[in-house]
Amino acid sequence: MIEPTRAAPPPNRLNAGVGGAGGGTLLIAIAQNLGTYTTPGLILVYCTPAIAIVFGFAIDQIQSWGLRIREQSVIKDARKTIERQLNDPNTSPAHKEELKSMLEGLGKEIAENKLIQVRTVFGRAQDIPAVERDQLLDAD
């Protein structure tokens, strides 16, 4: 059996915070170069905290989006590979049965993961078994 490859870690909230802080520092540097006594410089100085928060949130959303796209791509690729092998006339009937069970297992895993995501989003983490809950907490 082929060993599964390790998936990329989920986006880290710290990365978004660091990105927001870095963006804020850049805005302050620009404001200082413009001159903090000028109108654009003053606007940048006073708006920097809000802009940095928005920038950090945007970084977090982009990371989450990228992770979702990668996850969907991996699932789609796995499903295509299994289906291609199922449709191959050279595949033995015994192997086809194993592939069908793998396809069912993939569907079950996807459904369970989506259920965990829904429960986590709606704050019902207590409904998640302890082992799965610990794995979710380690991911954050």
Foldseek 3Di string as FASTA:
>chain_A
DDDDDDDDFADDLVVLLVQLVVQLVVLQVVLVVVPCPDPVSVCSVVCSVVSSNVSSVVVNVVRNVVSVVVVVVVLVVLLVVLVVLLPDPPRDPVVNVVSVVVNVVSVVVVVVVVVCVVCVVVVNLVPPPPVVSVVVVVSD
